[in-house]
Amino acid sequence: MSTKTRTVLTAGVLAVALGLGVTAQASAGAPRSVGGDPSDNLTRIADFYGAYIDAESDPDGSGDLPTALRAYYIAPTYLKQLAAWEDREHADGVLRAQNTPLKWKVTDNGTAKNRTEAVITLTWSRNTTTKLFVDMSRGSHKIVHIGTKGLGGK
């Protein structure tokens, strides 16, 4: 292969590579944004689960952060029920599991009486998810229930 042929071939490969890079970059879309409102219960539930899962999955050890998050976001009376569930089931009551999920999603499931209900979808692997129902008091903005069914029985 001549030097001229090699140069043309290299330039062609480089042009294709650069062209694909531009296409991939342009198709990435607009930057993502995440917002919230501390007076909105759905935001508060999402904030809790995001911070809790981050703390539990910290490779350097989460220290006291999961306990502090529980104390801040969960009603004291429900903390006692959660501890009893954990003793009985030998698992994390917030996640209803022994492991930490790879991803999470919070979806509004409506309001009833004095509480907001959300569905938490936890992703454990590519094809494995579980759903939890989390109820938060609208007055105190504290979690009052976590389970496989909501307080409303949905």
Protein backbone atom coordinates (compact mmCIF):
# COMPACT_ATOMS: atom_id res chain seq x y z
CA MET A 1 0.00 0.00 0.00
CA SER A 2 1.46 3.36 -1.00
CA THR A 3 1.91 6.26 1.37
CA LYS A 4 -0.64 8.26 -0.58
CA THR A 5 -3.23 5.45 -0.28
CA ARG A 6 -2.53 5.10 3.45
CA THR A 7 -2.98 8.86 3.94
CA VAL A 8 -6.27 8.90 2.06
CA LEU A 9 -7.50 5.81 3.95
CA THR A 10 -6.49 7.28 7.32
CA ALA A 11 -8.17 10.60 6.48
CA GLY A 12 -11.35 8.76 5.46
CA VAL A 13 -11.44 6.69 8.68
CA LEU A 14 -10.79 9.83 10.72
CA ALA A 15 -13.59 11.71 8.93
CA VAL A 16 -16.04 8.87 9.57
CA ALA A 17 -15.02 8.66 13.22
CA LEU A 18 -15.39 12.39 13.72
CA GLY A 19 -18.70 12.41 11.90
CA LEU A 20 -20.09 9.66 14.15
CA GLY A 21 -18.90 11.53 17.22
CA VAL A 22 -20.75 14.66 16.17
CA THR A 23 -23.89 12.67 15.44
CA ALA A 24 -23.78 10.92 18.82
CA GLN A 25 -23.21 14.20 20.61
CA ALA A 26 -26.04 15.97 18.80
CA SER A 27 -28.49 13.15 19.50
CA ALA A 28 -27.83 13.23 23.25
CA GLY A 29 -30.54 15.88 23.68
CA ALA A 30 -30.92 18.73 26.12
CA PRO A 31 -29.33 18.61 29.57
CA ARG A 32 -31.41 16.90 32.25
CA SER A 33 -32.72 18.83 35.20
CA VAL A 34 -34.22 17.78 38.50
CA GLY A 35 -36.29 20.07 40.68
CA GLY A 36 -38.19 19.91 43.90
CA ASP A 37 -40.26 21.71 46.48
CA PRO A 38 -39.67 21.00 50.18
CA SER A 39 -43.35 21.59 50.94
CA ASP A 40 -44.43 18.96 48.39
CA ASN A 41 -44.75 15.45 49.85
CA LEU A 42 -43.85 13.69 46.59
CA THR A 43 -40.63 15.70 46.41
CA ARG A 44 -39.88 14.87 50.03
CA ILE A 45 -40.41 11.14 49.45
CA ALA A 46 -38.16 11.28 46.37
CA ASP A 47 -35.52 13.24 48.30
CA PHE A 48 -35.60 10.67 51.11
CA TYR A 49 -35.29 7.63 48.85
CA GLY A 50 -32.58 9.23 46.73
CA ALA A 51 -30.47 10.22 49.73
CA TYR A 52 -31.13 6.95 51.58
CA ILE A 53 -30.13 4.76 48.63
CA ASP A 54 -27.06 6.94 48.00
CA ALA A 55 -26.04 6.58 51.65
CA GLU A 56 -26.62 2.82 51.70
CA SER A 57 -24.70 2.26 48.46
CA ASP A 58 -21.71 4.41 49.44
CA PRO A 59 -18.60 2.24 48.92
CA ASP A 60 -16.76 4.06 51.74
CA GLY A 61 -19.45 3.20 54.27
CA SER A 62 -22.51 5.24 55.00
CA GLY A 63 -21.82 5.85 58.66
CA ASP A 64 -24.77 7.33 60.53
CA LEU A 65 -26.42 8.99 57.53
CA PRO A 66 -29.15 6.35 56.93
CA THR A 67 -30.15 6.57 60.60
CA ALA A 68 -30.18 10.37 60.48
CA LEU A 69 -32.29 10.34 57.30
CA ARG A 70 -34.77 7.97 58.92
CA ALA A 71 -35.04 10.22 61.97
CA TYR A 72 -35.65 13.28 59.80
CA TYR A 73 -38.12 11.84 57.26
CA ILE A 74 -39.99 9.10 59.14
CA ALA A 75 -42.54 9.66 61.92
CA PRO A 76 -41.20 8.51 65.32
CA THR A 77 -44.15 6.17 65.89
CA TYR A 78 -43.57 4.51 62.53
CA LEU A 79 -39.83 4.15 63.22
CA LYS A 80 -40.76 1.74 66.02
CA GLN A 81 -42.96 -0.32 63.68
CA LEU A 82 -40.19 -0.29 61.07
CA ALA A 83 -37.65 -1.57 63.63
CA ALA A 84 -40.02 -4.39 64.62
CA TRP A 85 -40.48 -5.36 60.95
CA GLU A 86 -36.69 -5.36 60.44
CA ASP A 87 -36.10 -7.57 63.50
CA ARG A 88 -38.71 -10.03 62.26
CA GLU A 89 -37.69 -10.05 58.57
CA HIS A 90 -33.91 -9.51 58.91
CA ALA A 91 -33.96 -6.90 56.15
CA ASP A 92 -33.93 -3.13 55.64
CA GLY A 93 -37.47 -1.89 56.23
CA VAL A 94 -37.11 1.21 54.06
CA LEU A 95 -36.12 -0.89 51.04
CA ARG A 96 -37.89 -4.09 52.13
CA ALA A 97 -34.75 -5.97 51.12
CA GLN A 98 -31.30 -7.04 52.22
CA ASN A 99 -29.56 -5.33 49.29
CA THR A 100 -29.46 -1.85 47.83
CA PRO A 101 -31.20 -1.26 44.47
CA LEU A 102 -29.41 -0.04 41.37
CA LYS A 103 -32.09 2.57 40.57
CA TRP A 104 -35.29 4.01 42.00
CA LYS A 105 -38.30 5.93 40.72
CA VAL A 106 -41.04 7.70 42.67
CA THR A 107 -44.55 8.04 41.21
CA ASP A 108 -47.49 9.91 42.70
CA ASN A 109 -50.31 7.54 43.70
CA GLY A 110 -52.73 10.20 44.92
CA THR A 111 -53.82 11.79 48.16
CA ALA A 112 -56.40 10.62 50.63
CA LYS A 113 -57.49 12.01 53.97
CA ASN A 114 -54.38 13.66 55.39
CA ARG A 115 -51.69 11.80 53.50
CA THR A 116 -49.93 11.53 50.17
CA GLU A 117 -49.17 8.11 48.72
CA ALA A 118 -46.30 7.35 46.35
CA VAL A 119 -45.20 4.19 44.56
CA ILE A 120 -41.48 3.54 44.74
CA THR A 121 -40.15 1.31 41.97
CA LEU A 122 -36.82 -0.21 42.94
CA THR A 123 -34.69 -1.72 40.18
CA TRP A 124 -32.44 -4.56 41.34
CA SER A 125 -31.17 -5.81 37.97
CA ARG A 126 -32.03 -5.42 34.31
CA ASN A 127 -35.30 -7.35 34.59
CA THR A 128 -36.06 -7.28 38.31
CA THR A 129 -38.05 -4.54 40.03
CA THR A 130 -40.21 -4.29 43.12
CA LYS A 131 -42.81 -1.72 44.09
CA LEU A 132 -43.32 -0.21 47.51
CA PHE A 133 -46.12 2.05 48.67
CA VAL A 134 -45.06 4.95 50.86
CA ASP A 135 -47.55 7.15 52.70
CA MET A 136 -46.59 10.56 54.06
CA SER A 137 -48.61 12.77 56.38
CA ARG A 138 -49.59 16.02 54.69
CA GLY A 139 -49.43 17.87 57.99
CA SER A 140 -46.10 16.72 59.43
CA HIS A 141 -44.43 15.78 56.11
CA LYS A 142 -43.26 12.54 57.75
CA ILE A 143 -43.47 9.02 56.34
CA VAL A 144 -46.11 7.05 58.23
CA HIS A 145 -46.11 3.81 56.23
CA ILE A 146 -43.93 1.73 53.89
CA GLY A 147 -45.23 -1.54 52.49
CA THR A 148 -46.28 -3.65 49.55
CA LYS A 149 -49.74 -2.05 49.75
CA GLY A 150 -50.69 1.49 50.60
CA LEU A 151 -52.75 2.50 53.62
CA GLY A 152 -55.68 2.92 51.24
CA GLY A 153 -55.31 -0.69 50.11
CA LYS A 154 -54.54 0.20 46.48
